[in-house]
Structures are given as structure tokens and as C-alpha cells.
Amino acid sequence: MPMPGPLELVLILVIVAMLFGVGKLPEVFGAVGKGIREFRKESTLESDVKQEAEKQSSDAVETAENRPAA
């Protein structure tokens, strides 16, 4: 999906201003920014957990391969 151009962004801003009123815009965009930050934080946390799990499983495989046969 292509990114919206400058004209589309201005149109979206005008529609949002009409819906919420100019006085509420800082509050609305603050909530949007907070949501984006929270989403990024959670997605980073998820990828960190996934990388740690992969590292632990590869360490376990290496340990099993290096163990002498009985």
C-alpha cells in the first residue's frame, strides 16, 4: 500500500479538524502518538523475546552436539 502524499495528508487533517474541533487536535494527536509509541515498544519487546528464545535453542543444540556419546 503506497504512502499518502502531502495532499492526502492535508485532506485527512482537515477532516480530523472538522470531526474533533481545532481545540481537541492536540489531545487527539497526543493519544495517537502514545498509541504508536506503545505499539513500537511492544513489537520491540516481542522481537527481543523471540531472539532470546532462538539464541537459547541454538545454544542447546550446540551443547548437545558437543557432548560426547556414552
N, C-alpha and C. Protein backbone atom coordinates (compact mmCIF):
# COMPACT_ATOMS: atom_id res chain seq x y z
N MET A 1 0.85 -1.17 0.00
CA MET A 1 0.00 0.00 0.00
C MET A 1 0.90 1.23 0.00
N PRO A 2 0.72 2.11 -0.96
CA PRO A 2 1.58 3.30 -1.04
C PRO A 2 1.27 4.29 0.08
N MET A 3 2.29 5.05 0.44
CA MET A 3 2.12 6.07 1.48
C MET A 3 1.31 7.24 0.91
N PRO A 4 0.46 7.85 1.76
CA PRO A 4 -0.30 9.01 1.28
C PRO A 4 0.63 10.20 1.02
N GLY A 5 0.31 10.94 -0.02
CA GLY A 5 1.10 12.11 -0.37
C GLY A 5 0.72 13.30 0.48
N PRO A 6 1.37 14.44 0.24
CA PRO A 6 1.10 15.64 1.03
C PRO A 6 -0.36 16.11 0.93
N LEU A 7 -0.93 16.02 -0.26
CA LEU A 7 -2.31 16.47 -0.45
C LEU A 7 -3.28 15.59 0.36
N GLU A 8 -3.05 14.29 0.35
CA GLU A 8 -3.90 13.39 1.12
C GLU A 8 -3.76 13.65 2.62
N LEU A 9 -2.54 13.93 3.08
CA LEU A 9 -2.33 14.22 4.50
C LEU A 9 -3.06 15.49 4.93
N VAL A 10 -3.02 16.51 4.09
CA VAL A 10 -3.74 17.76 4.40
C VAL A 10 -5.24 17.50 4.45
N LEU A 11 -5.74 16.72 3.52
CA LEU A 11 -7.16 16.39 3.50
C LEU A 11 -7.56 15.63 4.77
N ILE A 12 -6.73 14.69 5.19
CA ILE A 12 -7.01 13.95 6.42
C ILE A 12 -7.01 14.89 7.62
N LEU A 13 -6.05 15.82 7.68
CA LEU A 13 -6.00 16.79 8.78
C LEU A 13 -7.26 17.66 8.83
N VAL A 14 -7.73 18.09 7.67
CA VAL A 14 -8.93 18.92 7.60
C VAL A 14 -10.14 18.13 8.11
N ILE A 15 -10.25 16.87 7.69
CA ILE A 15 -11.38 16.04 8.13
C ILE A 15 -11.32 15.81 9.64
N VAL A 16 -10.14 15.53 10.16
CA VAL A 16 -9.99 15.32 11.60
C VAL A 16 -10.33 16.60 12.35
N ALA A 17 -9.90 17.74 11.85
CA ALA A 17 -10.21 19.02 12.50
C ALA A 17 -11.71 19.27 12.51
N MET A 18 -12.39 18.91 11.43
CA MET A 18 -13.84 19.10 11.39
C MET A 18 -14.55 18.14 12.35
N LEU A 19 -14.05 16.92 12.47
CA LEU A 19 -14.70 15.94 13.34
C LEU A 19 -14.51 16.26 14.82
N PHE A 20 -13.29 16.59 15.21
CA PHE A 20 -12.98 16.76 16.63
C PHE A 20 -12.93 18.21 17.07
N GLY A 21 -12.83 19.13 16.16
CA GLY A 21 -12.68 20.53 16.51
C GLY A 21 -11.22 20.87 16.71
N VAL A 22 -10.88 22.12 16.44
CA VAL A 22 -9.48 22.54 16.49
C VAL A 22 -8.93 22.45 17.92
N GLY A 23 -9.75 22.68 18.92
CA GLY A 23 -9.30 22.65 20.30
C GLY A 23 -8.89 21.26 20.78
N LYS A 24 -9.49 20.23 20.21
CA LYS A 24 -9.19 18.86 20.63
C LYS A 24 -8.04 18.23 19.85
N LEU A 25 -7.54 18.89 18.82
CA LEU A 25 -6.49 18.29 17.99
C LEU A 25 -5.24 17.89 18.78
N PRO A 26 -4.71 18.73 19.67
CA PRO A 26 -3.52 18.28 20.42
C PRO A 26 -3.80 17.03 21.25
N GLU A 27 -4.98 16.95 21.82
CA GLU A 27 -5.34 15.78 22.61
C GLU A 27 -5.45 14.53 21.74
N VAL A 28 -6.07 14.67 20.58
CA VAL A 28 -6.24 13.53 19.66
C VAL A 28 -4.89 13.05 19.15
N PHE A 29 -4.06 13.98 18.69
CA PHE A 29 -2.76 13.57 18.14
C PHE A 29 -1.83 13.08 19.25
N GLY A 30 -1.99 13.58 20.46
CA GLY A 30 -1.22 13.06 21.59
C GLY A 30 -1.58 11.61 21.86
N ALA A 31 -2.87 11.29 21.80
CA ALA A 31 -3.31 9.91 22.01
C ALA A 31 -2.81 9.01 20.88
N VAL A 32 -2.83 9.51 19.66
CA VAL A 32 -2.32 8.73 18.52
C VAL A 32 -0.83 8.46 18.69
N GLY A 33 -0.08 9.48 19.07
CA GLY A 33 1.36 9.31 19.29
C GLY A 33 1.65 8.33 20.41
N LYS A 34 0.87 8.40 21.47
CA LYS A 34 1.04 7.48 22.59
C LYS A 34 0.76 6.04 22.14
N GLY A 35 -0.25 5.86 21.33
CA GLY A 35 -0.56 4.53 20.81
C GLY A 35 0.54 3.98 19.92
N ILE A 36 1.10 4.84 19.08
CA ILE A 36 2.20 4.41 18.20
C ILE A 36 3.42 4.04 19.02
N ARG A 37 3.74 4.84 20.04
CA ARG A 37 4.89 4.52 20.91
C ARG A 37 4.69 3.19 21.62
N GLU A 38 3.48 2.96 22.12
CA GLU A 38 3.19 1.71 22.82
C GLU A 38 3.30 0.52 21.86
N PHE A 39 2.81 0.68 20.64
CA PHE A 39 2.89 -0.39 19.64
C PHE A 39 4.34 -0.72 19.33
N ARG A 40 5.16 0.30 19.12
CA ARG A 40 6.59 0.07 18.83
C ARG A 40 7.28 -0.61 20.00
N LYS A 41 6.96 -0.17 21.21
CA LYS A 41 7.56 -0.76 22.41
C LYS A 41 7.22 -2.24 22.51
N GLU A 42 5.97 -2.58 22.30
CA GLU A 42 5.55 -3.98 22.40
C GLU A 42 6.13 -4.82 21.27
N SER A 43 6.20 -4.28 20.06
CA SER A 43 6.76 -5.06 18.95
C SER A 43 8.26 -5.27 19.15
N THR A 44 8.95 -4.29 19.71
CA THR A 44 10.37 -4.45 20.01
C THR A 44 10.56 -5.49 21.11
N LEU A 45 9.71 -5.45 22.12
CA LEU A 45 9.78 -6.43 23.20
C LEU A 45 9.55 -7.84 22.67
N GLU A 46 8.58 -7.99 21.78
CA GLU A 46 8.28 -9.30 21.21
C GLU A 46 9.46 -9.83 20.39
N SER A 47 10.08 -8.97 19.59
CA SER A 47 11.21 -9.42 18.79
C SER A 47 12.41 -9.75 19.68
N ASP A 48 12.60 -9.02 20.78
CA ASP A 48 13.67 -9.33 21.72
C ASP A 48 13.46 -10.70 22.36
N VAL A 49 12.23 -11.00 22.74
CA VAL A 49 11.91 -12.30 23.34
C VAL A 49 12.14 -13.41 22.33
N LYS A 50 11.74 -13.17 21.08
CA LYS A 50 11.92 -14.18 20.03
C LYS A 50 13.40 -14.43 19.78
N GLN A 51 14.21 -13.38 19.74
CA GLN A 51 15.65 -13.53 19.52
C GLN A 51 16.30 -14.28 20.68
N GLU A 52 15.88 -14.00 21.89
CA GLU A 52 16.43 -14.69 23.06
C GLU A 52 16.08 -16.17 23.02
N ALA A 53 14.85 -16.50 22.62
CA ALA A 53 14.44 -17.90 22.53
C ALA A 53 15.25 -18.63 21.46
N GLU A 54 15.47 -17.98 20.31
CA GLU A 54 16.27 -18.59 19.25
C GLU A 54 17.71 -18.81 19.72
N LYS A 55 18.25 -17.86 20.46
CA LYS A 55 19.63 -17.98 20.96
C LYS A 55 19.73 -19.14 21.93
N GLN A 56 18.76 -19.25 22.82
CA GLN A 56 18.79 -20.34 23.79
C GLN A 56 18.65 -21.70 23.11
N SER A 57 17.80 -21.79 22.08
CA SER A 57 17.64 -23.07 21.40
C SER A 57 18.90 -23.43 20.62
N SER A 58 19.57 -22.44 20.01
CA SER A 58 20.81 -22.73 19.29
C SER A 58 21.92 -23.10 20.26
N ASP A 59 21.94 -22.49 21.45
CA ASP A 59 22.92 -22.86 22.47
C ASP A 59 22.68 -24.30 22.94
N ALA A 60 21.42 -24.69 23.07
CA ALA A 60 21.10 -26.05 23.49
C ALA A 60 21.53 -27.06 22.44
N VAL A 61 21.36 -26.73 21.16
CA VAL A 61 21.77 -27.62 20.08
C VAL A 61 23.28 -27.76 20.07
N GLU A 62 24.00 -26.66 20.25
CA GLU A 62 25.47 -26.71 20.28
C GLU A 62 25.96 -27.55 21.46
N THR A 63 25.31 -27.41 22.60
CA THR A 63 25.69 -28.18 23.78
C THR A 63 25.47 -29.67 23.53
N ALA A 64 24.34 -30.01 22.91
CA ALA A 64 24.04 -31.41 22.62
C ALA A 64 25.02 -31.97 21.60
N GLU A 65 25.44 -31.19 20.63
CA GLU A 65 26.37 -31.66 19.61
C GLU A 65 27.77 -31.85 20.19
N ASN A 66 28.16 -31.04 21.14
CA ASN A 66 29.50 -31.12 21.72
C ASN A 66 29.62 -32.16 22.83
N ARG A 67 28.51 -32.69 23.28
CA ARG A 67 28.51 -33.68 24.35
C ARG A 67 29.01 -35.02 23.78
N PRO A 68 29.96 -35.67 24.44
CA PRO A 68 30.46 -36.95 23.93
C PRO A 68 29.40 -38.05 24.07
N ALA A 69 29.42 -38.96 23.11
CA ALA A 69 28.48 -40.08 23.15
C ALA A 69 28.89 -41.05 24.23
N ALA A 70 27.93 -41.60 24.95
CA ALA A 70 28.24 -42.50 26.06
C ALA A 70 28.39 -43.93 25.62
